[in-house]
Amino acid sequence: MSFGSMGAFEWLVILLIVLLLFGVGRISKVMGELGRGLRAFKEGLQGELEPKQEEAPGEPLDSDRPMGGT
């Protein structure tokens, strides 16, 4: 067996050590946060692709309003 390839038994031992170190509750919490982060990232990418909505044509812009308080 070469150094770079890992079999199922090696992955099982690593998983067992990680579970012992961190516990099931902490790992599930981290995975949940990772999922929420990925979902927010995807939604952010979708928002950039959608065209921005313009203001209604009947409403004046701030730059069109007079500077006086009237």
C-alpha atoms as a PDB file:
ATOM      1  CA  MET A   1       0.000   0.000   0.000  1.00  0.00           C
ATOM      2  CA  SER A   2       1.381   3.386  -0.956  1.00  0.00           C
ATOM      3  CA  PHE A   3       1.392   6.411   1.299  1.00  0.00           C
ATOM      4  CA  GLY A   4      -1.059   8.466  -0.814  1.00  0.00           C
ATOM      5  CA  SER A   5      -3.950   6.006  -1.052  1.00  0.00           C
ATOM      6  CA  MET A   6      -6.255   5.393   1.871  1.00  0.00           C
ATOM      7  CA  GLY A   7      -8.685   2.524   2.103  1.00  0.00           C
ATOM      8  CA  ALA A   8     -12.040   2.263   3.811  1.00  0.00           C
ATOM      9  CA  PHE A   9     -10.503   1.053   7.072  1.00  0.00           C
ATOM     10  CA  GLU A  10      -8.225   4.092   7.329  1.00  0.00           C
ATOM     11  CA  TRP A  11     -11.148   6.479   6.693  1.00  0.00           C
ATOM     12  CA  LEU A  12     -13.185   4.655   9.328  1.00  0.00           C
ATOM     13  CA  VAL A  13     -10.402   5.073  11.912  1.00  0.00           C
ATOM     14  CA  ILE A  14     -10.074   8.785  11.085  1.00  0.00           C
ATOM     15  CA  LEU A  15     -13.854   9.257  11.372  1.00  0.00           C
ATOM     16  CA  LEU A  16     -13.862   7.502  14.733  1.00  0.00           C
ATOM     17  CA  ILE A  17     -11.055   9.731  16.050  1.00  0.00           C
ATOM     18  CA  VAL A  18     -12.859  12.883  14.859  1.00  0.00           C
ATOM     19  CA  LEU A  19     -16.076  11.744  16.546  1.00  0.00           C
ATOM     20  CA  LEU A  20     -14.221  11.118  19.788  1.00  0.00           C
ATOM     21  CA  LEU A  21     -12.509  14.509  19.704  1.00  0.00           C
ATOM     22  CA  PHE A  22     -15.453  16.709  18.754  1.00  0.00           C
ATOM     23  CA  GLY A  23     -18.594  14.724  19.537  1.00  0.00           C
ATOM     24  CA  VAL A  24     -21.654  14.199  17.389  1.00  0.00           C
ATOM     25  CA  GLY A  25     -23.430  17.399  18.485  1.00  0.00           C
ATOM     26  CA  ARG A  26     -20.620  19.743  17.536  1.00  0.00           C
ATOM     27  CA  ILE A  27     -20.036  18.053  14.172  1.00  0.00           C
ATOM     28  CA  SER A  28     -23.729  18.255  13.242  1.00  0.00           C
ATOM     29  CA  LYS A  29     -23.787  21.927  14.269  1.00  0.00           C
ATOM     30  CA  VAL A  30     -20.751  22.703  12.098  1.00  0.00           C
ATOM     31  CA  MET A  31     -22.238  20.846   9.124  1.00  0.00           C
ATOM     32  CA  GLY A  32     -25.524  22.739   9.541  1.00  0.00           C
ATOM     33  CA  GLU A  33     -23.693  26.053   9.565  1.00  0.00           C
ATOM     34  CA  LEU A  34     -21.709  25.002   6.503  1.00  0.00           C
ATOM     35  CA  GLY A  35     -24.946  24.147   4.679  1.00  0.00           C
ATOM     36  CA  ARG A  36     -26.506  27.504   5.574  1.00  0.00           C
ATOM     37  CA  GLY A  37     -23.372  29.293   4.407  1.00  0.00           C
ATOM     38  CA  LEU A  38     -23.370  27.497   1.072  1.00  0.00           C
ATOM     39  CA  ARG A  39     -27.070  28.208   0.608  1.00  0.00           C
ATOM     40  CA  ALA A  40     -26.537  31.915   1.327  1.00  0.00           C
ATOM     41  CA  PHE A  41     -23.607  31.974  -1.099  1.00  0.00           C
ATOM     42  CA  LYS A  42     -25.718  30.419  -3.861  1.00  0.00           C
ATOM     43  CA  GLU A  43     -28.561  32.872  -3.193  1.00  0.00           C
ATOM     44  CA  GLY A  44     -26.063  35.723  -3.355  1.00  0.00           C
ATOM     45  CA  LEU A  45     -24.853  34.528  -6.734  1.00  0.00           C
ATOM     46  CA  GLN A  46     -28.444  34.257  -7.976  1.00  0.00           C
ATOM     47  CA  GLY A  47     -29.136  37.817  -6.801  1.00  0.00           C
ATOM     48  CA  GLU A  48     -26.195  39.173  -8.813  1.00  0.00           C
ATOM     49  CA  LEU A  49     -27.455  37.523 -11.988  1.00  0.00           C
ATOM     50  CA  GLU A  50     -30.955  38.988 -11.739  1.00  0.00           C
ATOM     51  CA  PRO A  51     -31.383  42.509 -13.179  1.00  0.00           C
ATOM     52  CA  LYS A  52     -31.889  45.291 -10.666  1.00  0.00           C
ATOM     53  CA  GLN A  53     -35.370  46.770 -10.563  1.00  0.00           C
ATOM     54  CA  GLU A  54     -35.597  50.430 -11.480  1.00  0.00           C
ATOM     55  CA  GLU A  55     -37.754  52.941  -9.612  1.00  0.00           C
ATOM     56  CA  ALA A  56     -41.227  53.627 -10.933  1.00  0.00           C
ATOM     57  CA  PRO A  57     -41.172  56.267 -13.723  1.00  0.00           C
ATOM     58  CA  GLY A  58     -43.746  58.471 -11.961  1.00  0.00           C
ATOM     59  CA  GLU A  59     -41.645  58.954  -8.810  1.00  0.00           C
ATOM     60  CA  PRO A  60     -39.073  61.774  -8.908  1.00  0.00           C
ATOM     61  CA  LEU A  61     -35.506  60.955  -8.016  1.00  0.00           C
ATOM     62  CA  ASP A  62     -33.783  62.735  -5.124  1.00  0.00           C
ATOM     63  CA  SER A  63     -31.654  64.678  -7.603  1.00  0.00           C
ATOM     64  CA  ASP A  64     -34.831  66.002  -9.345  1.00  0.00           C
ATOM     65  CA  ARG A  65     -36.235  67.541  -6.148  1.00  0.00           C
ATOM     66  CA  PRO A  66     -35.465  71.193  -5.352  1.00  0.00           C
ATOM     67  CA  MET A  67     -32.852  71.874  -2.671  1.00  0.00           C
ATOM     68  CA  GLY A  68     -35.119  74.260  -0.715  1.00  0.00           C
ATOM     69  CA  GLY A  69     -37.361  72.866   1.974  1.00  0.00           C
ATOM     70  CA  THR A  70     -40.535  73.546  -0.014  1.00  0.00           C
END
